[in-house]
């Protein structure tokens, strides 16, 4: 399964040696085979996206670390 790391637009507020505190929950789930992961902690933000599937937002906060990630233009509506 391909994995694409998202661009972090705002890092999390936790210190570098502090472990992430949230629970991993993808914001979007598709029917394809590509996962888009947080550029800071690697948690899945958009799971199993297919080539014709899109997300409705430009950016999303990671549910694990809180970093703000930007989706690639080709994945946005």
PDB file of N, CA and C in Angstrom:
ATOM      1  N   UNK A   1       0.848  -1.175   0.000  1.00  0.00           N
ATOM      2  CA  UNK A   1       0.000   0.000   0.000  1.00  0.00           C
ATOM      3  C   UNK A   1       0.896   1.242   0.000  1.00  0.00           C
ATOM      4  N   UNK A   2       0.745   2.128  -1.011  1.00  0.00           N
ATOM      5  CA  UNK A   2       1.542   3.354  -1.043  1.00  0.00           C
ATOM      6  C   UNK A   2       1.191   4.292   0.120  1.00  0.00           C
ATOM      7  N   UNK A   3       2.198   4.999   0.603  1.00  0.00           N
ATOM      8  CA  UNK A   3       2.018   5.975   1.678  1.00  0.00           C
ATOM      9  C   UNK A   3       2.632   7.286   1.243  1.00  0.00           C
ATOM     10  N   UNK A   4       1.871   8.381   1.403  1.00  0.00           N
ATOM     11  CA  UNK A   4       2.355   9.706   1.039  1.00  0.00           C
ATOM     12  C   UNK A   4       2.346  10.574   2.287  1.00  0.00           C
ATOM     13  N   UNK A   5       3.491  11.185   2.562  1.00  0.00           N
ATOM     14  CA  UNK A   5       3.625  12.050   3.726  1.00  0.00           C
ATOM     15  C   UNK A   5       3.117  13.453   3.377  1.00  0.00           C
ATOM     16  N   UNK A   6       2.250  13.999   4.214  1.00  0.00           N
ATOM     17  CA  UNK A   6       1.689  15.324   3.981  1.00  0.00           C
ATOM     18  C   UNK A   6       2.650  16.420   4.433  1.00  0.00           C
ATOM     19  N   UNK A   7       2.480  17.617   3.878  1.00  0.00           N
ATOM     20  CA  UNK A   7       3.294  18.774   4.241  1.00  0.00           C
ATOM     21  C   UNK A   7       2.745  19.377   5.531  1.00  0.00           C
ATOM     22  N   UNK A   8       3.602  19.542   6.527  1.00  0.00           N
ATOM     23  CA  UNK A   8       3.194  20.160   7.798  1.00  0.00           C
ATOM     24  C   UNK A   8       3.198  21.674   7.620  1.00  0.00           C
ATOM     25  N   UNK A   9       2.047  22.318   7.891  1.00  0.00           N
ATOM     26  CA  UNK A   9       1.951  23.766   7.788  1.00  0.00           C
ATOM     27  C   UNK A   9       2.013  24.444   9.155  1.00  0.00           C
ATOM     28  N   UNK A  10       1.739  23.684  10.206  1.00  0.00           N
ATOM     29  CA  UNK A  10       1.878  24.181  11.576  1.00  0.00           C
ATOM     30  C   UNK A  10       2.263  22.988  12.442  1.00  0.00           C
ATOM     31  N   UNK A  11       3.487  23.007  12.994  1.00  0.00           N
ATOM     32  CA  UNK A  11       3.911  21.884  13.831  1.00  0.00           C
ATOM     33  C   UNK A  11       3.047  21.764  15.084  1.00  0.00           C
ATOM     34  N   UNK A  12       3.096  20.602  15.700  1.00  0.00           N
ATOM     35  CA  UNK A  12       2.362  20.404  16.950  1.00  0.00           C
ATOM     36  C   UNK A  12       3.004  21.245  18.041  1.00  0.00           C
ATOM     37  N   UNK A  13       2.266  21.476  19.105  1.00  0.00           N
ATOM     38  CA  UNK A  13       2.778  22.302  20.198  1.00  0.00           C
ATOM     39  C   UNK A  13       3.545  21.484  21.231  1.00  0.00           C
ATOM     40  N   UNK A  14       3.629  20.178  21.044  1.00  0.00           N
ATOM     41  CA  UNK A  14       4.341  19.336  22.005  1.00  0.00           C
ATOM     42  C   UNK A  14       5.843  19.452  21.777  1.00  0.00           C
ATOM     43  N   UNK A  15       6.619  19.189  22.811  1.00  0.00           N
ATOM     44  CA  UNK A  15       8.072  19.231  22.669  1.00  0.00           C
ATOM     45  C   UNK A  15       8.539  17.972  21.940  1.00  0.00           C
ATOM     46  N   UNK A  16       9.745  18.023  21.402  1.00  0.00           N
ATOM     47  CA  UNK A  16      10.266  16.924  20.586  1.00  0.00           C
ATOM     48  C   UNK A  16      10.392  15.613  21.356  1.00  0.00           C
ATOM     49  N   UNK A  17      10.643  15.677  22.659  1.00  0.00           N
ATOM     50  CA  UNK A  17      10.803  14.443  23.441  1.00  0.00           C
ATOM     51  C   UNK A  17       9.514  13.994  24.110  1.00  0.00           C
ATOM     52  N   UNK A  18       8.423  14.717  23.897  1.00  0.00           N
ATOM     53  CA  UNK A  18       7.118  14.359  24.468  1.00  0.00           C
ATOM     54  C   UNK A  18       6.387  13.429  23.495  1.00  0.00           C
ATOM     55  N   UNK A  19       5.908  12.267  23.947  1.00  0.00           N
ATOM     56  CA  UNK A  19       5.207  11.362  23.031  1.00  0.00           C
ATOM     57  C   UNK A  19       3.846  11.919  22.613  1.00  0.00           C
ATOM     58  N   UNK A  20       3.383  11.582  21.405  1.00  0.00           N
ATOM     59  CA  UNK A  20       2.045  12.012  20.977  1.00  0.00           C
ATOM     60  C   UNK A  20       0.987  11.502  21.949  1.00  0.00           C
ATOM     61  N   UNK A  21      -0.053  12.312  22.148  1.00  0.00           N
ATOM     62  CA  UNK A  21      -1.042  11.955  23.163  1.00  0.00           C
ATOM     63  C   UNK A  21      -2.389  11.507  22.604  1.00  0.00           C
ATOM     64  N   UNK A  22      -2.644  11.741  21.345  1.00  0.00           N
ATOM     65  CA  UNK A  22      -3.957  11.402  20.786  1.00  0.00           C
ATOM     66  C   UNK A  22      -4.049   9.982  20.292  1.00  0.00           C
ATOM     67  N   UNK A  23      -5.262   9.636  19.864  1.00  0.00           N
ATOM     68  CA  UNK A  23      -5.525   8.308  19.306  1.00  0.00           C
ATOM     69  C   UNK A  23      -5.613   8.442  17.788  1.00  0.00           C
ATOM     70  N   UNK A  24      -4.996   7.521  17.070  1.00  0.00           N
ATOM     71  CA  UNK A  24      -4.990   7.571  15.609  1.00  0.00           C
ATOM     72  C   UNK A  24      -6.383   7.313  15.053  1.00  0.00           C
ATOM     73  N   UNK A  25      -6.917   8.304  14.353  1.00  0.00           N
ATOM     74  CA  UNK A  25      -8.226   8.200  13.697  1.00  0.00           C
ATOM     75  C   UNK A  25      -8.143   8.944  12.374  1.00  0.00           C
ATOM     76  N   UNK A  26      -8.207   8.250  11.256  1.00  0.00           N
ATOM     77  CA  UNK A  26      -8.182   8.947   9.968  1.00  0.00           C
ATOM     78  C   UNK A  26      -9.384   9.880   9.837  1.00  0.00           C
ATOM     79  N   UNK A  27      -9.143  11.050   9.265  1.00  0.00           N
ATOM     80  CA  UNK A  27     -10.227  12.002   9.031  1.00  0.00           C
ATOM     81  C   UNK A  27     -11.070  11.566   7.840  1.00  0.00           C
ATOM     82  N   UNK A  28     -10.413  10.936   6.865  1.00  0.00           N
ATOM     83  CA  UNK A  28     -11.092  10.464   5.663  1.00  0.00           C
ATOM     84  C   UNK A  28     -10.717   9.008   5.411  1.00  0.00           C
ATOM     85  N   UNK A  29     -11.669   8.234   4.891  1.00  0.00           N
ATOM     86  CA  UNK A  29     -11.411   6.847   4.516  1.00  0.00           C
ATOM     87  C   UNK A  29     -12.036   6.606   3.157  1.00  0.00           C
ATOM     88  N   UNK A  30     -11.226   6.137   2.237  1.00  0.00           N
ATOM     89  CA  UNK A  30     -11.712   5.868   0.890  1.00  0.00           C
ATOM     90  C   UNK A  30     -11.773   4.380   0.615  1.00  0.00           C
ATOM     91  N   UNK A  31     -11.748   4.037  -0.671  1.00  0.00           N
ATOM     92  CA  UNK A  31     -11.828   2.644  -1.085  1.00  0.00           C
ATOM     93  C   UNK A  31     -10.629   2.238  -1.942  1.00  0.00           C
ATOM     94  N   UNK A  32      -9.586   3.067  -1.928  1.00  0.00           N
ATOM     95  CA  UNK A  32      -8.406   2.795  -2.748  1.00  0.00           C
ATOM     96  C   UNK A  32      -7.297   2.118  -1.963  1.00  0.00           C
ATOM     97  N   UNK A  33      -6.055   2.455  -2.333  1.00  0.00           N
ATOM     98  CA  UNK A  33      -4.924   1.792  -1.676  1.00  0.00           C
ATOM     99  C   UNK A  33      -3.825   2.752  -1.207  1.00  0.00           C
ATOM    100  N   UNK A  34      -4.085   4.057  -1.214  1.00  0.00           N
ATOM    101  CA  UNK A  34      -3.055   5.020  -0.810  1.00  0.00           C
ATOM    102  C   UNK A  34      -3.417   5.674   0.522  1.00  0.00           C
ATOM    103  N   UNK A  35      -2.453   5.650   1.447  1.00  0.00           N
ATOM    104  CA  UNK A  35      -2.626   6.332   2.732  1.00  0.00           C
ATOM    105  C   UNK A  35      -1.847   7.638   2.719  1.00  0.00           C
ATOM    106  N   UNK A  36      -2.463   8.700   3.220  1.00  0.00           N
ATOM    107  CA  UNK A  36      -1.802   9.990   3.402  1.00  0.00           C
ATOM    108  C   UNK A  36      -1.562  10.151   4.897  1.00  0.00           C
ATOM    109  N   UNK A  37      -0.295  10.357   5.267  1.00  0.00           N
ATOM    110  CA  UNK A  37       0.074  10.357   6.675  1.00  0.00           C
ATOM    111  C   UNK A  37       0.593  11.719   7.126  1.00  0.00           C
ATOM    112  N   UNK A  38       0.480  11.967   8.422  1.00  0.00           N
ATOM    113  CA  UNK A  38       0.963  13.199   9.035  1.00  0.00           C
ATOM    114  C   UNK A  38       2.458  13.340   8.761  1.00  0.00           C
ATOM    115  N   UNK A  39       2.855  14.526   8.325  1.00  0.00           N
ATOM    116  CA  UNK A  39       4.258  14.785   8.043  1.00  0.00           C
ATOM    117  C   UNK A  39       5.112  14.887   9.290  1.00  0.00           C
ATOM    118  N   UNK A  40       4.477  14.964  10.451  1.00  0.00           N
ATOM    119  CA  UNK A  40       5.246  15.058  11.693  1.00  0.00           C
ATOM    120  C   UNK A  40       5.356  13.720  12.414  1.00  0.00           C
ATOM    121  N   UNK A  41       4.233  13.037  12.645  1.00  0.00           N
ATOM    122  CA  UNK A  41       4.290  11.806  13.453  1.00  0.00           C
ATOM    123  C   UNK A  41       4.018  10.535  12.654  1.00  0.00           C
ATOM    124  N   UNK A  42       3.531  10.643  11.416  1.00  0.00           N
ATOM    125  CA  UNK A  42       3.300   9.470  10.587  1.00  0.00           C
ATOM    126  C   UNK A  42       1.945   8.801  10.747  1.00  0.00           C
ATOM    127  N   UNK A  43       1.058   9.371  11.564  1.00  0.00           N
ATOM    128  CA  UNK A  43      -0.281   8.801  11.728  1.00  0.00           C
ATOM    129  C   UNK A  43      -1.087   8.991  10.439  1.00  0.00           C
ATOM    130  N   UNK A  44      -1.964   8.059  10.121  1.00  0.00           N
ATOM    131  CA  UNK A  44      -2.776   8.135   8.909  1.00  0.00           C
ATOM    132  C   UNK A  44      -3.860   9.208   9.076  1.00  0.00           C
ATOM    133  N   UNK A  45      -3.876  10.174   8.153  1.00  0.00           N
ATOM    134  CA  UNK A  45      -4.872  11.250   8.161  1.00  0.00           C
ATOM    135  C   UNK A  45      -5.981  10.951   7.156  1.00  0.00           C
ATOM    136  N   UNK A  46      -5.615  10.390   6.007  1.00  0.00           N
ATOM    137  CA  UNK A  46      -6.592   9.970   4.994  1.00  0.00           C
ATOM    138  C   UNK A  46      -6.215   8.546   4.571  1.00  0.00           C
ATOM    139  N   UNK A  47      -7.085   7.601   4.864  1.00  0.00           N
ATOM    140  CA  UNK A  47      -6.784   6.184   4.649  1.00  0.00           C
ATOM    141  C   UNK A  47      -7.404   5.660   3.363  1.00  0.00           C
ATOM    142  N   UNK A  48      -6.656   4.805   2.691  1.00  0.00           N
ATOM    143  CA  UNK A  48      -7.150   4.059   1.526  1.00  0.00           C
ATOM    144  C   UNK A  48      -7.824   4.941   0.475  1.00  0.00           C
ATOM    145  N   UNK A  49      -7.174   6.027   0.102  1.00  0.00           N
ATOM    146  CA  UNK A  49      -7.736   6.919  -0.907  1.00  0.00           C
ATOM    147  C   UNK A  49      -7.454   6.378  -2.295  1.00  0.00           C
ATOM    148  N   UNK A  50      -8.456   6.439  -3.160  1.00  0.00           N
ATOM    149  CA  UNK A  50      -8.332   5.977  -4.536  1.00  0.00           C
ATOM    150  C   UNK A  50      -7.998   7.130  -5.460  1.00  0.00           C
ATOM    151  N   UNK A  51      -7.631   6.844  -6.717  1.00  0.00           N
ATOM    152  CA  UNK A  51      -7.219   7.892  -7.649  1.00  0.00           C
ATOM    153  C   UNK A  51      -8.317   8.898  -7.990  1.00  0.00           C
ATOM    154  N   UNK A  52      -9.568   8.532  -7.861  1.00  0.00           N
ATOM    155  CA  UNK A  52     -10.672   9.438  -8.176  1.00  0.00           C
ATOM    156  C   UNK A  52     -11.327  10.017  -6.926  1.00  0.00           C
ATOM    157  N   UNK A  53     -10.767   9.762  -5.762  1.00  0.00           N
ATOM    158  CA  UNK A  53     -11.363  10.263  -4.517  1.00  0.00           C
ATOM    159  C   UNK A  53     -10.670  11.551  -4.088  1.00  0.00           C
ATOM    160  N   UNK A  54     -11.446  12.455  -3.489  1.00  0.00           N
ATOM    161  CA  UNK A  54     -10.947  13.764  -3.077  1.00  0.00           C
ATOM    162  C   UNK A  54     -11.377  14.049  -1.644  1.00  0.00           C
ATOM    163  N   UNK A  55     -10.680  15.011  -1.026  1.00  0.00           N
ATOM    164  CA  UNK A  55     -11.059  15.492   0.305  1.00  0.00           C
ATOM    165  C   UNK A  55     -11.644  16.887   0.153  1.00  0.00           C
ATOM    166  N   UNK A  56     -12.449  17.306   1.116  1.00  0.00           N
ATOM    167  CA  UNK A  56     -13.169  18.576   0.995  1.00  0.00           C
ATOM    168  C   UNK A  56     -12.497  19.734   1.730  1.00  0.00           C
ATOM    169  N   UNK A  57     -11.323  19.493   2.306  1.00  0.00           N
ATOM    170  CA  UNK A  57     -10.608  20.538   3.043  1.00  0.00           C
ATOM    171  C   UNK A  57      -9.191  20.675   2.489  1.00  0.00           C
ATOM    172  N   UNK A  58      -8.586  21.845   2.714  1.00  0.00           N
ATOM    173  CA  UNK A  58      -7.203  22.074   2.291  1.00  0.00           C
ATOM    174  C   UNK A  58      -6.216  21.523   3.312  1.00  0.00           C
ATOM    175  N   UNK A  59      -6.578  21.677   4.608  1.00  0.00           N
ATOM    176  CA  UNK A  59      -5.688  21.288   5.702  1.00  0.00           C
ATOM    177  C   UNK A  59      -6.468  20.528   6.759  1.00  0.00           C
ATOM    178  N   UNK A  60      -5.732  19.729   7.546  1.00  0.00           N
ATOM    179  CA  UNK A  60      -6.361  18.977   8.632  1.00  0.00           C
ATOM    180  C   UNK A  60      -5.365  18.816   9.772  1.00  0.00           C
ATOM    181  N   UNK A  61      -5.876  18.853  11.000  1.00  0.00           N
ATOM    182  CA  UNK A  61      -5.038  18.616  12.181  1.00  0.00           C
ATOM    183  C   UNK A  61      -4.953  17.117  12.431  1.00  0.00           C
ATOM    184  N   UNK A  62      -3.757  16.643  12.699  1.00  0.00           N
ATOM    185  CA  UNK A  62      -3.538  15.228  12.997  1.00  0.00           C
ATOM    186  C   UNK A  62      -4.201  14.885  14.327  1.00  0.00           C
ATOM    187  N   UNK A  63      -4.904  13.768  14.368  1.00  0.00           N
ATOM    188  CA  UNK A  63      -5.592  13.357  15.593  1.00  0.00           C
ATOM    189  C   UNK A  63      -4.628  12.846  16.658  1.00  0.00           C
ATOM    190  N   UNK A  64      -3.397  12.543  16.279  1.00  0.00           N
ATOM    191  CA  UNK A  64      -2.418  12.016  17.237  1.00  0.00           C
ATOM    192  C   UNK A  64      -1.563  13.123  17.836  1.00  0.00           C
ATOM    193  N   UNK A  65      -0.902  13.912  16.985  1.00  0.00           N
ATOM    194  CA  UNK A  65       0.042  14.908  17.505  1.00  0.00           C
ATOM    195  C   UNK A  65      -0.473  16.343  17.455  1.00  0.00           C
ATOM    196  N   UNK A  66      -1.503  16.594  16.637  1.00  0.00           N
ATOM    197  CA  UNK A  66      -2.072  17.936  16.548  1.00  0.00           C
ATOM    198  C   UNK A  66      -1.448  18.818  15.487  1.00  0.00           C
ATOM    199  N   UNK A  67      -0.436  18.339  14.764  1.00  0.00           N
ATOM    200  CA  UNK A  67       0.179  19.136  13.703  1.00  0.00           C
ATOM    201  C   UNK A  67      -0.829  19.371  12.575  1.00  0.00           C
ATOM    202  N   UNK A  68      -0.765  20.552  11.972  1.00  0.00           N
ATOM    203  CA  UNK A  68      -1.634  20.859  10.846  1.00  0.00           C
ATOM    204  C   UNK A  68      -0.937  20.422   9.560  1.00  0.00           C
ATOM    205  N   UNK A  69      -1.613  19.618   8.757  1.00  0.00           N
ATOM    206  CA  UNK A  69      -1.082  19.078   7.514  1.00  0.00           C
ATOM    207  C   UNK A  69      -1.879  19.603   6.328  1.00  0.00           C
ATOM    208  N   UNK A  70      -1.183  19.844   5.220  1.00  0.00           N
ATOM    209  CA  UNK A  70      -1.832  20.312   3.999  1.00  0.00           C
ATOM    210  C   UNK A  70      -1.948  19.162   3.009  1.00  0.00           C
ATOM    211  N   UNK A  71      -3.139  18.967   2.470  1.00  0.00           N
ATOM    212  CA  UNK A  71      -3.350  17.946   1.458  1.00  0.00           C
ATOM    213  C   UNK A  71      -2.827  18.448   0.114  1.00  0.00           C
ATOM    214  N   UNK A  72      -2.280  17.570  -0.730  1.00  0.00           N
ATOM    215  CA  UNK A  72      -1.820  17.994  -2.051  1.00  0.00           C
ATOM    216  C   UNK A  72      -2.985  18.503  -2.885  1.00  0.00           C
ATOM    217  N   UNK A  73      -2.690  19.449  -3.773  1.00  0.00           N
ATOM    218  CA  UNK A  73      -3.741  20.055  -4.596  1.00  0.00           C
ATOM    219  C   UNK A  73      -4.539  19.012  -5.377  1.00  0.00           C
ATOM    220  N   UNK A  74      -3.909  17.958  -5.863  1.00  0.00           N
ATOM    221  CA  UNK A  74      -4.585  16.934  -6.631  1.00  0.00           C
ATOM    222  C   UNK A  74      -5.550  16.076  -5.828  1.00  0.00           C
ATOM    223  N   UNK A  75      -5.460  16.158  -4.514  1.00  0.00           N
ATOM    224  CA  UNK A  75      -6.359  15.377  -3.664  1.00  0.00           C
ATOM    225  C   UNK A  75      -7.559  16.194  -3.192  1.00  0.00           C
ATOM    226  N   UNK A  76      -7.470  17.519  -3.369  1.00  0.00           N
ATOM    227  CA  UNK A  76      -8.549  18.409  -2.904  1.00  0.00           C
ATOM    228  C   UNK A  76      -9.611  18.601  -3.975  1.00  0.00           C
ATOM    229  N   UNK A  77     -10.818  18.878  -3.529  1.00  0.00           N
ATOM    230  CA  UNK A  77     -11.941  19.155  -4.443  1.00  0.00           C
ATOM    231  C   UNK A  77     -11.720  20.490  -5.099  1.00  0.00           C
TER     232      UNK A  77
END
